[in-house]
Amino acid sequence: MKLIIAYIQPERLPMVKLELAKAEVSRMSVTNALGAGAQAGFTETYRGAEHEVNLLKKVRLEVAVNEHFEQRTIDAIIAGARTGAIGDGKIFVLDLPRCIRIRTGEEGSAAVG
């Protein structure tokens, strides 16, 4: 089992969800996040005062999958999130040693679905 965590641009979320649906991956968690990467932020003027914005809005997407869904999930996220510009995001893949479905008590691959 793997836990795939992706940080993507918020406006790309609908496309990523569409690509995941095509890959038959429907279970996910989505959270708003702030972060700094290669983009390094920008400076804006608000009411005459300069304000440095170095934490940019991102979306954190978490998907727990069984081994045979790992690559298709990664490919779907890349297909939906890639614009070719700096700041498209990152994908992290972690081993998921244990998963338990609360409702039934199932564990492992059966709990992931």
N, C-alpha and C. Protein backbone atom coordinates (compact mmCIF):
# COMPACT_ATOMS: atom_id res chain seq x y z
N MET A 1 0.85 -1.18 0.00
CA MET A 1 0.00 0.00 0.00
C MET A 1 0.89 1.24 0.00
N LYS A 2 0.42 2.28 -0.68
CA LYS A 2 1.17 3.52 -0.79
C LYS A 2 0.27 4.70 -0.44
N LEU A 3 0.88 5.72 0.12
CA LEU A 3 0.20 7.00 0.34
C LEU A 3 0.85 7.98 -0.60
N ILE A 4 0.08 8.51 -1.53
CA ILE A 4 0.58 9.46 -2.50
C ILE A 4 0.09 10.85 -2.09
N ILE A 5 1.04 11.75 -1.89
CA ILE A 5 0.75 13.13 -1.49
C ILE A 5 1.21 14.02 -2.62
N ALA A 6 0.33 14.87 -3.11
CA ALA A 6 0.68 15.78 -4.19
C ALA A 6 0.30 17.21 -3.80
N TYR A 7 1.20 18.13 -4.08
CA TYR A 7 0.93 19.56 -3.94
C TYR A 7 0.78 20.11 -5.34
N ILE A 8 -0.38 20.67 -5.64
CA ILE A 8 -0.67 21.16 -6.99
C ILE A 8 -1.26 22.57 -6.92
N GLN A 9 -1.34 23.22 -8.08
CA GLN A 9 -1.97 24.53 -8.16
C GLN A 9 -3.48 24.35 -7.98
N PRO A 10 -4.12 25.24 -7.19
CA PRO A 10 -5.55 25.08 -6.92
C PRO A 10 -6.42 25.03 -8.18
N GLU A 11 -6.07 25.81 -9.18
CA GLU A 11 -6.89 25.84 -10.39
C GLU A 11 -6.78 24.56 -11.21
N ARG A 12 -5.81 23.70 -10.92
CA ARG A 12 -5.63 22.44 -11.63
C ARG A 12 -6.38 21.28 -10.98
N LEU A 13 -6.97 21.51 -9.81
CA LEU A 13 -7.67 20.43 -9.09
C LEU A 13 -8.78 19.79 -9.93
N PRO A 14 -9.65 20.53 -10.61
CA PRO A 14 -10.68 19.86 -11.42
C PRO A 14 -10.10 18.93 -12.48
N MET A 15 -9.00 19.34 -13.11
CA MET A 15 -8.38 18.50 -14.14
C MET A 15 -7.76 17.24 -13.51
N VAL A 16 -7.14 17.39 -12.35
CA VAL A 16 -6.55 16.24 -11.66
C VAL A 16 -7.65 15.27 -11.26
N LYS A 17 -8.75 15.77 -10.73
CA LYS A 17 -9.87 14.89 -10.36
C LYS A 17 -10.41 14.15 -11.57
N LEU A 18 -10.51 14.83 -12.70
CA LEU A 18 -10.98 14.20 -13.93
C LEU A 18 -10.04 13.08 -14.36
N GLU A 19 -8.74 13.36 -14.35
CA GLU A 19 -7.76 12.34 -14.73
C GLU A 19 -7.75 11.16 -13.76
N LEU A 20 -7.91 11.43 -12.47
CA LEU A 20 -7.99 10.34 -11.49
C LEU A 20 -9.23 9.48 -11.72
N ALA A 21 -10.34 10.11 -12.06
CA ALA A 21 -11.56 9.36 -12.35
C ALA A 21 -11.37 8.44 -13.56
N LYS A 22 -10.66 8.95 -14.58
CA LYS A 22 -10.36 8.12 -15.75
C LYS A 22 -9.49 6.93 -15.38
N ALA A 23 -8.63 7.12 -14.38
CA ALA A 23 -7.74 6.05 -13.93
C ALA A 23 -8.40 5.15 -12.88
N GLU A 24 -9.70 5.36 -12.64
CA GLU A 24 -10.49 4.59 -11.69
C GLU A 24 -10.01 4.76 -10.26
N VAL A 25 -9.53 5.96 -9.94
CA VAL A 25 -9.13 6.31 -8.58
C VAL A 25 -10.10 7.38 -8.10
N SER A 26 -10.91 7.05 -7.08
CA SER A 26 -11.94 8.00 -6.66
C SER A 26 -11.82 8.43 -5.21
N ARG A 27 -11.02 7.72 -4.43
CA ARG A 27 -10.91 8.05 -3.01
C ARG A 27 -9.72 8.97 -2.80
N MET A 28 -9.97 10.13 -2.19
CA MET A 28 -8.90 11.10 -1.97
C MET A 28 -9.29 12.07 -0.88
N SER A 29 -8.29 12.74 -0.35
CA SER A 29 -8.50 13.84 0.59
C SER A 29 -7.85 15.07 -0.02
N VAL A 30 -8.52 16.21 0.10
CA VAL A 30 -8.01 17.45 -0.46
C VAL A 30 -8.00 18.51 0.64
N THR A 31 -6.87 19.21 0.75
CA THR A 31 -6.70 20.23 1.77
C THR A 31 -6.06 21.46 1.14
N ASN A 32 -6.50 22.65 1.55
CA ASN A 32 -5.83 23.87 1.12
C ASN A 32 -4.52 23.99 1.87
N ALA A 33 -3.47 24.44 1.18
CA ALA A 33 -2.15 24.56 1.80
C ALA A 33 -1.47 25.83 1.31
N LEU A 34 -0.48 26.28 2.07
CA LEU A 34 0.38 27.38 1.67
C LEU A 34 1.80 26.84 1.63
N GLY A 35 2.58 27.29 0.65
CA GLY A 35 3.94 26.78 0.57
C GLY A 35 4.83 27.64 -0.30
N ALA A 36 6.12 27.39 -0.19
CA ALA A 36 7.11 28.09 -0.99
C ALA A 36 8.01 27.06 -1.63
N GLY A 37 8.22 27.21 -2.91
CA GLY A 37 9.10 26.31 -3.64
C GLY A 37 9.96 27.13 -4.58
N ALA A 38 10.12 26.66 -5.78
CA ALA A 38 10.96 27.34 -6.76
C ALA A 38 10.39 28.70 -7.17
N GLN A 39 9.08 28.88 -7.01
CA GLN A 39 8.47 30.16 -7.38
C GLN A 39 8.94 31.30 -6.48
N ALA A 40 9.21 31.02 -5.23
CA ALA A 40 9.75 31.97 -4.25
C ALA A 40 8.86 33.17 -3.96
N GLY A 41 7.63 33.19 -4.42
CA GLY A 41 6.70 34.26 -4.07
C GLY A 41 6.82 35.48 -4.96
N PHE A 42 6.16 36.57 -4.52
CA PHE A 42 6.14 37.81 -5.29
C PHE A 42 5.85 38.97 -4.34
N THR A 43 6.00 40.19 -4.86
CA THR A 43 5.71 41.39 -4.09
C THR A 43 4.52 42.08 -4.72
N GLU A 44 3.56 42.52 -3.89
CA GLU A 44 2.42 43.26 -4.39
C GLU A 44 2.23 44.51 -3.56
N THR A 45 1.55 45.48 -4.15
CA THR A 45 1.28 46.73 -3.46
C THR A 45 -0.19 46.76 -3.07
N TYR A 46 -0.44 47.00 -1.78
CA TYR A 46 -1.80 47.07 -1.27
C TYR A 46 -1.95 48.36 -0.49
N ARG A 47 -2.83 49.23 -0.95
CA ARG A 47 -3.07 50.54 -0.34
C ARG A 47 -1.78 51.32 -0.12
N GLY A 48 -0.94 51.28 -1.15
CA GLY A 48 0.29 52.06 -1.12
C GLY A 48 1.45 51.41 -0.40
N ALA A 49 1.24 50.29 0.25
CA ALA A 49 2.32 49.62 0.97
C ALA A 49 2.69 48.33 0.24
N GLU A 50 3.99 48.11 0.11
CA GLU A 50 4.44 46.87 -0.50
C GLU A 50 4.32 45.72 0.49
N HIS A 51 3.88 44.59 -0.03
CA HIS A 51 3.67 43.41 0.80
C HIS A 51 4.31 42.23 0.09
N GLU A 52 5.19 41.52 0.77
CA GLU A 52 5.85 40.37 0.18
C GLU A 52 5.03 39.11 0.46
N VAL A 53 4.67 38.41 -0.61
CA VAL A 53 3.92 37.17 -0.51
C VAL A 53 4.88 36.04 -0.86
N ASN A 54 5.36 35.32 0.16
CA ASN A 54 6.31 34.24 -0.13
C ASN A 54 5.73 32.85 0.15
N LEU A 55 4.51 32.80 0.61
CA LEU A 55 3.80 31.52 0.73
C LEU A 55 2.62 31.55 -0.24
N LEU A 56 2.67 30.69 -1.23
CA LEU A 56 1.66 30.68 -2.28
C LEU A 56 0.60 29.62 -2.02
N LYS A 57 -0.60 29.86 -2.52
CA LYS A 57 -1.70 28.91 -2.34
C LYS A 57 -1.46 27.66 -3.17
N LYS A 58 -1.63 26.52 -2.53
CA LYS A 58 -1.53 25.22 -3.17
C LYS A 58 -2.66 24.34 -2.64
N VAL A 59 -2.83 23.21 -3.26
CA VAL A 59 -3.78 22.21 -2.79
C VAL A 59 -2.98 20.95 -2.49
N ARG A 60 -3.23 20.37 -1.33
CA ARG A 60 -2.59 19.10 -0.95
C ARG A 60 -3.60 17.98 -1.19
N LEU A 61 -3.19 17.06 -2.01
CA LEU A 61 -4.04 15.93 -2.39
C LEU A 61 -3.41 14.67 -1.81
N GLU A 62 -4.18 13.88 -1.07
CA GLU A 62 -3.69 12.63 -0.50
C GLU A 62 -4.54 11.48 -1.03
N VAL A 63 -3.86 10.47 -1.54
CA VAL A 63 -4.54 9.31 -2.09
C VAL A 63 -3.84 8.05 -1.57
N ALA A 64 -4.57 7.20 -0.89
CA ALA A 64 -4.05 5.90 -0.46
C ALA A 64 -4.46 4.87 -1.50
N VAL A 65 -3.47 4.13 -2.01
CA VAL A 65 -3.75 3.15 -3.07
C VAL A 65 -3.03 1.84 -2.80
N ASN A 66 -3.54 0.79 -3.40
CA ASN A 66 -2.83 -0.48 -3.40
C ASN A 66 -1.73 -0.42 -4.45
N GLU A 67 -0.76 -1.32 -4.34
CA GLU A 67 0.44 -1.29 -5.18
C GLU A 67 0.13 -1.18 -6.68
N HIS A 68 -0.86 -1.93 -7.17
CA HIS A 68 -1.11 -1.94 -8.60
C HIS A 68 -1.78 -0.66 -9.11
N PHE A 69 -2.19 0.24 -8.21
CA PHE A 69 -2.76 1.52 -8.61
C PHE A 69 -1.75 2.67 -8.48
N GLU A 70 -0.56 2.38 -7.97
CA GLU A 70 0.42 3.44 -7.69
C GLU A 70 0.80 4.24 -8.95
N GLN A 71 1.27 3.57 -9.98
CA GLN A 71 1.75 4.30 -11.16
C GLN A 71 0.63 5.00 -11.91
N ARG A 72 -0.53 4.36 -12.01
CA ARG A 72 -1.63 5.02 -12.73
C ARG A 72 -2.12 6.26 -11.98
N THR A 73 -2.03 6.24 -10.64
CA THR A 73 -2.40 7.42 -9.85
C THR A 73 -1.40 8.55 -10.08
N ILE A 74 -0.12 8.23 -10.07
CA ILE A 74 0.92 9.22 -10.32
C ILE A 74 0.76 9.81 -11.72
N ASP A 75 0.56 8.95 -12.71
CA ASP A 75 0.40 9.42 -14.10
C ASP A 75 -0.81 10.33 -14.24
N ALA A 76 -1.90 10.01 -13.56
CA ALA A 76 -3.12 10.82 -13.64
C ALA A 76 -2.89 12.20 -13.00
N ILE A 77 -2.20 12.24 -11.88
CA ILE A 77 -1.93 13.53 -11.23
C ILE A 77 -1.06 14.39 -12.13
N ILE A 78 -0.03 13.78 -12.71
CA ILE A 78 0.85 14.53 -13.62
C ILE A 78 0.07 15.04 -14.83
N ALA A 79 -0.76 14.20 -15.41
CA ALA A 79 -1.54 14.61 -16.60
C ALA A 79 -2.48 15.77 -16.29
N GLY A 80 -3.06 15.78 -15.12
CA GLY A 80 -3.99 16.84 -14.77
C GLY A 80 -3.34 18.10 -14.24
N ALA A 81 -2.17 17.98 -13.62
CA ALA A 81 -1.55 19.13 -12.96
C ALA A 81 -0.50 19.84 -13.80
N ARG A 82 0.07 19.17 -14.77
CA ARG A 82 1.19 19.75 -15.52
C ARG A 82 0.76 20.89 -16.43
N THR A 83 1.40 22.04 -16.27
CA THR A 83 1.21 23.17 -17.18
C THR A 83 2.51 23.48 -17.91
N GLY A 84 3.62 22.97 -17.40
CA GLY A 84 4.93 23.25 -17.97
C GLY A 84 5.60 24.46 -17.35
N ALA A 85 4.95 25.08 -16.39
CA ALA A 85 5.49 26.27 -15.74
C ALA A 85 6.08 25.90 -14.38
N ILE A 86 6.93 26.78 -13.89
CA ILE A 86 7.45 26.60 -12.53
C ILE A 86 6.27 26.67 -11.57
N GLY A 87 6.24 25.78 -10.59
CA GLY A 87 5.18 25.79 -9.60
C GLY A 87 4.07 24.81 -9.86
N ASP A 88 4.27 23.88 -10.80
CA ASP A 88 3.25 22.86 -11.06
C ASP A 88 3.04 21.95 -9.86
N GLY A 89 4.06 21.79 -9.02
CA GLY A 89 3.89 21.01 -7.79
C GLY A 89 4.85 19.87 -7.65
N LYS A 90 4.58 19.04 -6.65
CA LYS A 90 5.41 17.89 -6.33
C LYS A 90 4.51 16.71 -5.94
N ILE A 91 5.04 15.50 -6.15
CA ILE A 91 4.36 14.29 -5.73
C ILE A 91 5.32 13.51 -4.82
N PHE A 92 4.81 13.09 -3.68
CA PHE A 92 5.58 12.28 -2.75
C PHE A 92 4.88 10.93 -2.61
N VAL A 93 5.65 9.86 -2.63
CA VAL A 93 5.10 8.52 -2.49
C VAL A 93 5.70 7.89 -1.23
N LEU A 94 4.83 7.51 -0.31
CA LEU A 94 5.25 6.94 0.97
C LEU A 94 4.69 5.54 1.12
N ASP A 95 5.44 4.69 1.78
CA ASP A 95 4.90 3.38 2.14
C ASP A 95 3.82 3.57 3.20
N LEU A 96 2.78 2.80 3.08
CA LEU A 96 1.67 2.85 4.03
C LEU A 96 1.64 1.51 4.74
N PRO A 97 2.27 1.44 5.92
CA PRO A 97 2.40 0.13 6.57
C PRO A 97 1.10 -0.46 7.09
N ARG A 98 0.13 0.39 7.43
CA ARG A 98 -1.11 -0.15 7.99
C ARG A 98 -2.27 0.78 7.68
N CYS A 99 -3.39 0.19 7.37
CA CYS A 99 -4.62 0.94 7.11
C CYS A 99 -5.78 0.14 7.70
N ILE A 100 -6.67 0.83 8.41
CA ILE A 100 -7.81 0.17 9.05
C ILE A 100 -9.08 0.93 8.69
N ARG A 101 -10.07 0.23 8.17
CA ARG A 101 -11.36 0.84 7.90
C ARG A 101 -12.15 0.83 9.22
N ILE A 102 -12.53 1.99 9.68
CA ILE A 102 -13.18 2.12 10.98
C ILE A 102 -14.52 1.39 11.03
N ARG A 103 -15.32 1.53 9.98
CA ARG A 103 -16.66 0.95 9.98
C ARG A 103 -16.66 -0.57 10.14
N THR A 104 -15.76 -1.26 9.43
CA THR A 104 -15.79 -2.73 9.43
C THR A 104 -14.63 -3.38 10.16
N GLY A 105 -13.58 -2.61 10.44
CA GLY A 105 -12.40 -3.19 11.07
C GLY A 105 -11.46 -3.87 10.10
N GLU A 106 -11.79 -3.84 8.78
CA GLU A 106 -10.92 -4.44 7.78
C GLU A 106 -9.55 -3.76 7.84
N GLU A 107 -8.51 -4.54 7.51
CA GLU A 107 -7.16 -3.99 7.50
C GLU A 107 -6.48 -4.29 6.17
N GLY A 108 -5.43 -3.52 5.89
CA GLY A 108 -4.61 -3.73 4.72
C GLY A 108 -5.27 -3.31 3.43
N SER A 109 -4.97 -4.06 2.37
CA SER A 109 -5.48 -3.73 1.03
C SER A 109 -6.99 -3.65 0.96
N ALA A 110 -7.68 -4.48 1.69
CA ALA A 110 -9.15 -4.45 1.71
C ALA A 110 -9.66 -3.13 2.27
N ALA A 111 -8.96 -2.57 3.22
CA ALA A 111 -9.39 -1.31 3.82
C ALA A 111 -9.14 -0.12 2.90
N VAL A 112 -8.08 -0.20 2.10
CA VAL A 112 -7.78 0.87 1.15
C VAL A 112 -8.82 0.90 0.04
N GLY A 113 -9.21 -0.27 -0.44
CA GLY A 113 -10.25 -0.36 -1.47
C GLY A 113 -9.71 -0.48 -2.85
